[in-house]
Amino acid sequence: MSEKKVIAVIVEGPSDENAIGGILKEYFSSEEVQFAVVHGDITSNKNTSVDNVISRVCDLIDAMRSKYGYHWEDFLQIIHITDTDGAFTKGCVVEAEVDSIQYYEERMETSNVKATEERNQHKSEIMFKLYSTGKIHEIRYRLYFNSCNLEHVLYNELKDFSDEEKEEMSDDFAEKYEGKIDEFIRFISDAELAVCGTYKQTWKFIEKDKNSLQRHSNMHLIFG
């Protein structure tokens, strides 16, 4: 058994871990923080379904458990951070000559409207399943959102960044808040970003209107 309790953090990509990893490890310094980097979006993956998503998340934690020799009872909580990608919006997808989905605070542009709307339906159903799940393998589980994505929330930029750009921005962000956890908490809790209310209320908010395209987050609740 681990001497410290373990907090498992699931993120989509390495730049996500790079941006907030140091912050979470500093805040939870009395625990052991381990990251599971999905290298993609489990909530929009075509192989993920409402029926299998809980087991897929459980598999990520099981892989972490096996890698580091943890026991299930070592885990204190699972923090899962996801992008909303405008998935809860209705009637906001417009056709355009673009190579990939382009996000704006009022619409998203795509070369295939039907496929994007199907992606949105699929992703929104899976996010609902996850945020409605309080425990996974008897471990406290919470899904936190960044809308429309992490870069939008942290850097106030809504564009299709390359992996290299994400890495550079995450380096700068991590450096900015290194050793300044209180400053970061003030930033992420600012009314411009933070959705007010309980955990469930923040999700009900992001499901409405165009909120899942606009700049909102409930990550402040991690630090509550």
C-alpha atoms as a PDB file:
ATOM      1  CA  MET A   1       0.000   0.000   0.000  1.00  0.00           C
ATOM      2  CA  SER A   2       1.200   3.494  -0.858  1.00  0.00           C
ATOM      3  CA  GLU A   3       2.252   5.619   2.137  1.00  0.00           C
ATOM      4  CA  LYS A   4       0.381   8.554   0.636  1.00  0.00           C
ATOM      5  CA  LYS A   5      -3.122   8.512  -0.773  1.00  0.00           C
ATOM      6  CA  VAL A   6      -3.194   8.765  -4.560  1.00  0.00           C
ATOM      7  CA  ILE A   7      -5.080  11.312  -6.638  1.00  0.00           C
ATOM      8  CA  ALA A   8      -5.475  10.157 -10.242  1.00  0.00           C
ATOM      9  CA  VAL A   9      -5.833  12.925 -12.825  1.00  0.00           C
ATOM     10  CA  ILE A  10      -7.090  12.082 -16.323  1.00  0.00           C
ATOM     11  CA  VAL A  11      -6.326  14.598 -19.095  1.00  0.00           C
ATOM     12  CA  GLU A  12      -6.564  14.568 -22.870  1.00  0.00           C
ATOM     13  CA  GLY A  13      -3.005  15.447 -23.826  1.00  0.00           C
ATOM     14  CA  PRO A  14       0.538  16.053 -22.543  1.00  0.00           C
ATOM     15  CA  SER A  15       0.156  19.837 -22.789  1.00  0.00           C
ATOM     16  CA  ASP A  16      -2.786  19.625 -20.358  1.00  0.00           C
ATOM     17  CA  GLU A  17      -0.595  17.829 -17.825  1.00  0.00           C
ATOM     18  CA  ASN A  18       2.230  20.266 -18.490  1.00  0.00           C
ATOM     19  CA  ALA A  19       0.017  23.319 -17.885  1.00  0.00           C
ATOM     20  CA  ILE A  20      -1.657  22.254 -14.645  1.00  0.00           C
ATOM     21  CA  GLY A  21       0.379  19.313 -13.379  1.00  0.00           C
ATOM     22  CA  GLY A  22       2.678  21.369 -11.188  1.00  0.00           C
ATOM     23  CA  ILE A  23      -0.262  23.332  -9.798  1.00  0.00           C
ATOM     24  CA  LEU A  24      -2.167  20.195  -8.781  1.00  0.00           C
ATOM     25  CA  LYS A  25       0.925  18.568  -7.282  1.00  0.00           C
ATOM     26  CA  GLU A  26       1.612  21.688  -5.240  1.00  0.00           C
ATOM     27  CA  TYR A  27      -1.986  21.985  -4.043  1.00  0.00           C
ATOM     28  CA  PHE A  28      -2.255  18.285  -3.162  1.00  0.00           C
ATOM     29  CA  SER A  29       1.268  18.101  -1.734  1.00  0.00           C
ATOM     30  CA  SER A  30       0.212  15.780   1.087  1.00  0.00           C
ATOM     31  CA  GLU A  31      -1.018  13.262  -1.498  1.00  0.00           C
ATOM     32  CA  GLU A  32       0.576  11.580  -4.495  1.00  0.00           C
ATOM     33  CA  VAL A  33      -0.713  12.963  -7.821  1.00  0.00           C
ATOM     34  CA  GLN A  34      -0.457  10.730 -10.885  1.00  0.00           C
ATOM     35  CA  PHE A  35      -1.577  11.603 -14.407  1.00  0.00           C
ATOM     36  CA  ALA A  36      -3.210   9.402 -17.010  1.00  0.00           C
ATOM     37  CA  VAL A  37      -2.762  11.072 -20.403  1.00  0.00           C
ATOM     38  CA  VAL A  38      -5.322   9.736 -22.869  1.00  0.00           C
ATOM     39  CA  HIS A  39      -3.675  11.231 -25.997  1.00  0.00           C
ATOM     40  CA  GLY A  40      -7.133  12.008 -27.316  1.00  0.00           C
ATOM     41  CA  ASP A  41     -10.655  12.617 -26.103  1.00  0.00           C
ATOM     42  CA  ILE A  42     -12.269   9.609 -24.469  1.00  0.00           C
ATOM     43  CA  THR A  43     -15.660  11.356 -24.529  1.00  0.00           C
ATOM     44  CA  SER A  44     -15.737  11.722 -28.326  1.00  0.00           C
ATOM     45  CA  ASN A  45     -13.881   8.543 -29.237  1.00  0.00           C
ATOM     46  CA  LYS A  46     -16.077   6.417 -31.515  1.00  0.00           C
ATOM     47  CA  ASN A  47     -15.088   3.301 -29.581  1.00  0.00           C
ATOM     48  CA  THR A  48     -16.463   4.824 -26.381  1.00  0.00           C
ATOM     49  CA  SER A  49     -20.136   4.388 -25.596  1.00  0.00           C
ATOM     50  CA  VAL A  50     -22.449   5.244 -22.727  1.00  0.00           C
ATOM     51  CA  ASP A  51     -22.361   1.563 -21.833  1.00  0.00           C
ATOM     52  CA  ASN A  52     -18.569   1.160 -21.763  1.00  0.00           C
ATOM     53  CA  VAL A  53     -17.197   4.573 -20.751  1.00  0.00           C
ATOM     54  CA  ILE A  54     -17.083   3.795 -17.019  1.00  0.00           C
ATOM     55  CA  SER A  55     -15.108   0.616 -17.667  1.00  0.00           C
ATOM     56  CA  ARG A  56     -12.751   2.544 -19.973  1.00  0.00           C
ATOM     57  CA  VAL A  57     -12.042   5.080 -17.226  1.00  0.00           C
ATOM     58  CA  CYS A  58     -11.596   2.207 -14.778  1.00  0.00           C
ATOM     59  CA  ASP A  59      -9.079   0.639 -17.181  1.00  0.00           C
ATOM     60  CA  LEU A  60      -7.003   3.860 -17.127  1.00  0.00           C
ATOM     61  CA  ILE A  61      -6.845   3.760 -13.341  1.00  0.00           C
ATOM     62  CA  ASP A  62      -6.118   0.024 -13.357  1.00  0.00           C
ATOM     63  CA  ALA A  63      -3.160   0.627 -15.698  1.00  0.00           C
ATOM     64  CA  MET A  64      -1.873   3.291 -13.290  1.00  0.00           C
ATOM     65  CA  ARG A  65      -2.395   0.926 -10.366  1.00  0.00           C
ATOM     66  CA  SER A  66      -0.425  -1.830 -12.091  1.00  0.00           C
ATOM     67  CA  LYS A  67       2.369   0.484 -13.248  1.00  0.00           C
ATOM     68  CA  TYR A  68       3.094   1.915  -9.811  1.00  0.00           C
ATOM     69  CA  GLY A  69       2.087  -1.038  -7.660  1.00  0.00           C
ATOM     70  CA  TYR A  70      -0.855   0.692  -6.015  1.00  0.00           C
ATOM     71  CA  HIS A  71      -3.797  -1.028  -4.407  1.00  0.00           C
ATOM     72  CA  TRP A  72      -7.319   0.140  -5.175  1.00  0.00           C
ATOM     73  CA  GLU A  73      -7.709   1.390  -1.617  1.00  0.00           C
ATOM     74  CA  ASP A  74      -4.704   3.709  -2.113  1.00  0.00           C
ATOM     75  CA  PHE A  75      -6.752   5.973  -4.397  1.00  0.00           C
ATOM     76  CA  LEU A  76      -8.380   8.980  -2.755  1.00  0.00           C
ATOM     77  CA  GLN A  77     -10.123  10.441  -5.804  1.00  0.00           C
ATOM     78  CA  ILE A  78     -10.194  10.602  -9.597  1.00  0.00           C
ATOM     79  CA  ILE A  79     -10.087  14.030 -11.230  1.00  0.00           C
ATOM     80  CA  HIS A  80     -11.057  13.864 -14.921  1.00  0.00           C
ATOM     81  CA  ILE A  81     -10.634  17.033 -17.006  1.00  0.00           C
ATOM     82  CA  THR A  82     -12.343  17.325 -20.390  1.00  0.00           C
ATOM     83  CA  ASP A  83     -13.079  19.866 -23.114  1.00  0.00           C
ATOM     84  CA  THR A  84     -16.733  20.521 -23.936  1.00  0.00           C
ATOM     85  CA  ASP A  85     -16.016  21.304 -27.620  1.00  0.00           C
ATOM     86  CA  GLY A  86     -19.443  22.927 -27.936  1.00  0.00           C
ATOM     87  CA  ALA A  87     -21.076  19.500 -27.738  1.00  0.00           C
ATOM     88  CA  PHE A  88     -24.208  20.606 -25.883  1.00  0.00           C
ATOM     89  CA  THR A  89     -25.196  23.302 -28.389  1.00  0.00           C
ATOM     90  CA  LYS A  90     -28.097  22.942 -30.806  1.00  0.00           C
ATOM     91  CA  GLY A  91     -28.321  24.564 -34.224  1.00  0.00           C
ATOM     92  CA  CYS A  92     -24.816  26.042 -34.042  1.00  0.00           C
ATOM     93  CA  VAL A  93     -23.053  23.849 -36.614  1.00  0.00           C
ATOM     94  CA  VAL A  94     -22.571  25.492 -40.014  1.00  0.00           C
ATOM     95  CA  GLU A  95     -20.996  24.178 -43.198  1.00  0.00           C
ATOM     96  CA  ALA A  96     -17.708  25.703 -44.332  1.00  0.00           C
ATOM     97  CA  GLU A  97     -14.643  24.810 -46.379  1.00  0.00           C
ATOM     98  CA  VAL A  98     -12.375  23.844 -43.480  1.00  0.00           C
ATOM     99  CA  ASP A  99     -10.031  20.932 -42.841  1.00  0.00           C
ATOM    100  CA  SER A 100     -11.158  20.407 -39.244  1.00  0.00           C
ATOM    101  CA  ILE A 101     -13.874  21.752 -36.953  1.00  0.00           C
ATOM    102  CA  GLN A 102     -13.365  25.447 -36.230  1.00  0.00           C
ATOM    103  CA  TYR A 103     -14.798  26.778 -32.979  1.00  0.00           C
ATOM    104  CA  TYR A 104     -16.232  30.227 -32.291  1.00  0.00           C
ATOM    105  CA  GLU A 105     -18.214  31.417 -29.278  1.00  0.00           C
ATOM    106  CA  GLU A 106     -21.438  31.537 -31.322  1.00  0.00           C
ATOM    107  CA  ARG A 107     -20.965  28.663 -33.801  1.00  0.00           C
ATOM    108  CA  MET A 108     -18.738  25.893 -35.055  1.00  0.00           C
ATOM    109  CA  GLU A 109     -17.744  25.483 -38.697  1.00  0.00           C
ATOM    110  CA  THR A 110     -17.228  22.095 -40.323  1.00  0.00           C
ATOM    111  CA  SER A 111     -17.080  20.472 -43.743  1.00  0.00           C
ATOM    112  CA  ASN A 112     -19.522  17.780 -42.557  1.00  0.00           C
ATOM    113  CA  VAL A 113     -22.445  19.132 -40.545  1.00  0.00           C
ATOM    114  CA  LYS A 114     -24.134  15.749 -40.047  1.00  0.00           C
ATOM    115  CA  ALA A 115     -20.973  14.076 -38.717  1.00  0.00           C
ATOM    116  CA  THR A 116     -20.275  16.966 -36.353  1.00  0.00           C
ATOM    117  CA  GLU A 117     -23.821  16.971 -35.003  1.00  0.00           C
ATOM    118  CA  GLU A 118     -23.554  13.218 -34.453  1.00  0.00           C
ATOM    119  CA  ARG A 119     -20.218  13.765 -32.683  1.00  0.00           C
ATOM    120  CA  ASN A 120     -21.870  16.374 -30.456  1.00  0.00           C
ATOM    121  CA  GLN A 121     -24.743  14.053 -29.548  1.00  0.00           C
ATOM    122  CA  HIS A 122     -22.367  11.181 -28.813  1.00  0.00           C
ATOM    123  CA  LYS A 123     -19.976  13.317 -26.743  1.00  0.00           C
ATOM    124  CA  SER A 124     -22.722  15.068 -24.768  1.00  0.00           C
ATOM    125  CA  GLU A 125     -24.356  11.757 -23.810  1.00  0.00           C
ATOM    126  CA  ILE A 126     -21.038  10.377 -22.579  1.00  0.00           C
ATOM    127  CA  MET A 127     -20.210  13.531 -20.611  1.00  0.00           C
ATOM    128  CA  PHE A 128     -23.657  13.307 -18.987  1.00  0.00           C
ATOM    129  CA  LYS A 129     -22.993   9.696 -18.043  1.00  0.00           C
ATOM    130  CA  LEU A 130     -19.629  10.591 -16.532  1.00  0.00           C
ATOM    131  CA  TYR A 131     -20.650  13.646 -14.550  1.00  0.00           C
ATOM    132  CA  SER A 132     -23.622  11.711 -13.179  1.00  0.00           C
ATOM    133  CA  THR A 133     -21.255   9.024 -11.883  1.00  0.00           C
ATOM    134  CA  GLY A 134     -20.085   9.741  -8.361  1.00  0.00           C
ATOM    135  CA  LYS A 135     -17.732   6.790  -7.926  1.00  0.00           C
ATOM    136  CA  ILE A 136     -15.668   4.490 -10.103  1.00  0.00           C
ATOM    137  CA  HIS A 137     -14.472   1.273  -8.481  1.00  0.00           C
ATOM    138  CA  GLU A 138     -15.618   2.827  -5.166  1.00  0.00           C
ATOM    139  CA  ILE A 139     -13.265   5.808  -5.713  1.00  0.00           C
ATOM    140  CA  ARG A 140     -14.663   9.368  -5.663  1.00  0.00           C
ATOM    141  CA  TYR A 141     -14.900  10.524  -9.292  1.00  0.00           C
ATOM    142  CA  ARG A 142     -15.533  13.997 -10.703  1.00  0.00           C
ATOM    143  CA  LEU A 143     -15.523  15.229 -14.314  1.00  0.00           C
ATOM    144  CA  TYR A 144     -14.463  18.870 -14.708  1.00  0.00           C
ATOM    145  CA  PHE A 145     -14.937  20.863 -17.904  1.00  0.00           C
ATOM    146  CA  ASN A 146     -13.151  23.542 -19.869  1.00  0.00           C
ATOM    147  CA  SER A 147     -15.245  25.292 -22.481  1.00  0.00           C
ATOM    148  CA  CYS A 148     -14.720  25.289 -25.297  1.00  0.00           C
ATOM    149  CA  ASN A 149     -11.325  23.756 -24.457  1.00  0.00           C
ATOM    150  CA  LEU A 150      -8.368  24.128 -22.103  1.00  0.00           C
ATOM    151  CA  GLU A 151      -6.614  26.692 -24.315  1.00  0.00           C
ATOM    152  CA  HIS A 152      -9.787  28.780 -24.433  1.00  0.00           C
ATOM    153  CA  VAL A 153     -10.022  28.833 -20.640  1.00  0.00           C
ATOM    154  CA  LEU A 154      -6.368  29.214 -19.702  1.00  0.00           C
ATOM    155  CA  TYR A 155      -5.156  31.473 -22.517  1.00  0.00           C
ATOM    156  CA  ASN A 156      -8.379  33.084 -23.783  1.00  0.00           C
ATOM    157  CA  GLU A 157      -7.579  31.832 -27.280  1.00  0.00           C
ATOM    158  CA  LEU A 158     -10.095  29.944 -29.416  1.00  0.00           C
ATOM    159  CA  LYS A 159      -8.273  28.525 -32.423  1.00  0.00           C
ATOM    160  CA  ASP A 160      -6.884  25.280 -33.773  1.00  0.00           C
ATOM    161  CA  PHE A 161      -3.440  25.160 -32.156  1.00  0.00           C
ATOM    162  CA  SER A 162      -0.704  22.779 -33.254  1.00  0.00           C
ATOM    163  CA  ASP A 163       0.827  20.403 -30.711  1.00  0.00           C
ATOM    164  CA  GLU A 164       3.967  22.539 -30.738  1.00  0.00           C
ATOM    165  CA  GLU A 165       1.988  25.690 -29.956  1.00  0.00           C
ATOM    166  CA  LYS A 166       0.120  23.917 -27.155  1.00  0.00           C
ATOM    167  CA  GLU A 167       3.403  22.750 -25.670  1.00  0.00           C
ATOM    168  CA  GLU A 168       4.935  26.228 -25.786  1.00  0.00           C
ATOM    169  CA  MET A 169       1.861  27.872 -24.221  1.00  0.00           C
ATOM    170  CA  SER A 170       1.610  25.233 -21.506  1.00  0.00           C
ATOM    171  CA  ASP A 171       5.295  25.761 -20.638  1.00  0.00           C
ATOM    172  CA  ASP A 172       4.693  29.497 -20.274  1.00  0.00           C
ATOM    173  CA  PHE A 173       1.551  28.945 -18.198  1.00  0.00           C
ATOM    174  CA  ALA A 174       3.241  26.474 -15.859  1.00  0.00           C
ATOM    175  CA  GLU A 175       6.159  28.854 -15.385  1.00  0.00           C
ATOM    176  CA  LYS A 176       3.809  31.777 -14.687  1.00  0.00           C
ATOM    177  CA  TYR A 177       2.085  29.981 -11.809  1.00  0.00           C
ATOM    178  CA  GLU A 178       4.990  27.950 -10.447  1.00  0.00           C
ATOM    179  CA  GLY A 179       4.953  28.374  -6.672  1.00  0.00           C
ATOM    180  CA  LYS A 180       1.908  30.653  -6.937  1.00  0.00           C
ATOM    181  CA  ILE A 181      -0.973  28.304  -6.219  1.00  0.00           C
ATOM    182  CA  ASP A 182      -3.094  31.012  -4.559  1.00  0.00           C
ATOM    183  CA  GLU A 183      -2.699  33.212  -7.627  1.00  0.00           C
ATOM    184  CA  PHE A 184      -3.825  30.375  -9.902  1.00  0.00           C
ATOM    185  CA  ILE A 185      -6.850  29.647  -7.721  1.00  0.00           C
ATOM    186  CA  ARG A 186      -7.840  33.327  -7.933  1.00  0.00           C
ATOM    187  CA  PHE A 187      -7.485  33.142 -11.719  1.00  0.00           C
ATOM    188  CA  ILE A 188      -9.550  29.966 -12.178  1.00  0.00           C
ATOM    189  CA  SER A 189     -12.152  31.166  -9.651  1.00  0.00           C
ATOM    190  CA  ASP A 190     -12.684  34.547 -11.322  1.00  0.00           C
ATOM    191  CA  ALA A 191     -16.313  35.208 -12.230  1.00  0.00           C
ATOM    192  CA  GLU A 192     -15.259  35.651 -15.881  1.00  0.00           C
ATOM    193  CA  LEU A 193     -14.410  31.929 -15.999  1.00  0.00           C
ATOM    194  CA  ALA A 194     -15.870  30.069 -13.049  1.00  0.00           C
ATOM    195  CA  VAL A 195     -19.435  28.808 -13.270  1.00  0.00           C
ATOM    196  CA  CYS A 196     -21.244  29.417  -9.989  1.00  0.00           C
ATOM    197  CA  GLY A 197     -23.064  26.728  -8.069  1.00  0.00           C
ATOM    198  CA  THR A 198     -22.635  23.137  -7.027  1.00  0.00           C
ATOM    199  CA  TYR A 199     -20.899  20.529  -9.154  1.00  0.00           C
ATOM    200  CA  LYS A 200     -24.194  19.376 -10.714  1.00  0.00           C
ATOM    201  CA  GLN A 201     -25.378  22.980 -11.184  1.00  0.00           C
ATOM    202  CA  THR A 202     -22.236  23.862 -13.152  1.00  0.00           C
ATOM    203  CA  TRP A 203     -22.952  20.987 -15.520  1.00  0.00           C
ATOM    204  CA  LYS A 204     -26.584  22.029 -15.925  1.00  0.00           C
ATOM    205  CA  PHE A 205     -25.300  25.493 -16.851  1.00  0.00           C
ATOM    206  CA  ILE A 206     -22.837  24.242 -19.465  1.00  0.00           C
ATOM    207  CA  GLU A 207     -25.567  22.116 -21.077  1.00  0.00           C
ATOM    208  CA  LYS A 208     -27.676  25.211 -21.853  1.00  0.00           C
ATOM    209  CA  ASP A 209     -27.737  27.419 -24.957  1.00  0.00           C
ATOM    210  CA  LYS A 210     -24.255  28.169 -26.351  1.00  0.00           C
ATOM    211  CA  ASN A 211     -22.472  27.910 -23.026  1.00  0.00           C
ATOM    212  CA  SER A 212     -20.418  24.884 -24.088  1.00  0.00           C
ATOM    213  CA  LEU A 213     -18.842  27.026 -26.828  1.00  0.00           C
ATOM    214  CA  GLN A 214     -18.166  30.011 -24.597  1.00  0.00           C
ATOM    215  CA  ARG A 215     -15.382  30.533 -22.066  1.00  0.00           C
ATOM    216  CA  HIS A 216     -16.386  28.736 -18.878  1.00  0.00           C
ATOM    217  CA  SER A 217     -14.905  26.213 -16.460  1.00  0.00           C
ATOM    218  CA  ASN A 218     -15.755  24.454 -13.227  1.00  0.00           C
ATOM    219  CA  MET A 219     -12.133  23.513 -12.449  1.00  0.00           C
ATOM    220  CA  HIS A 220     -12.246  25.900  -9.505  1.00  0.00           C
ATOM    221  CA  LEU A 221     -14.280  23.233  -7.709  1.00  0.00           C
ATOM    222  CA  ILE A 222     -11.168  21.037  -7.616  1.00  0.00           C
ATOM    223  CA  PHE A 223      -9.758  23.501  -5.098  1.00  0.00           C
ATOM    224  CA  GLY A 224     -12.908  23.944  -3.033  1.00  0.00           C
END
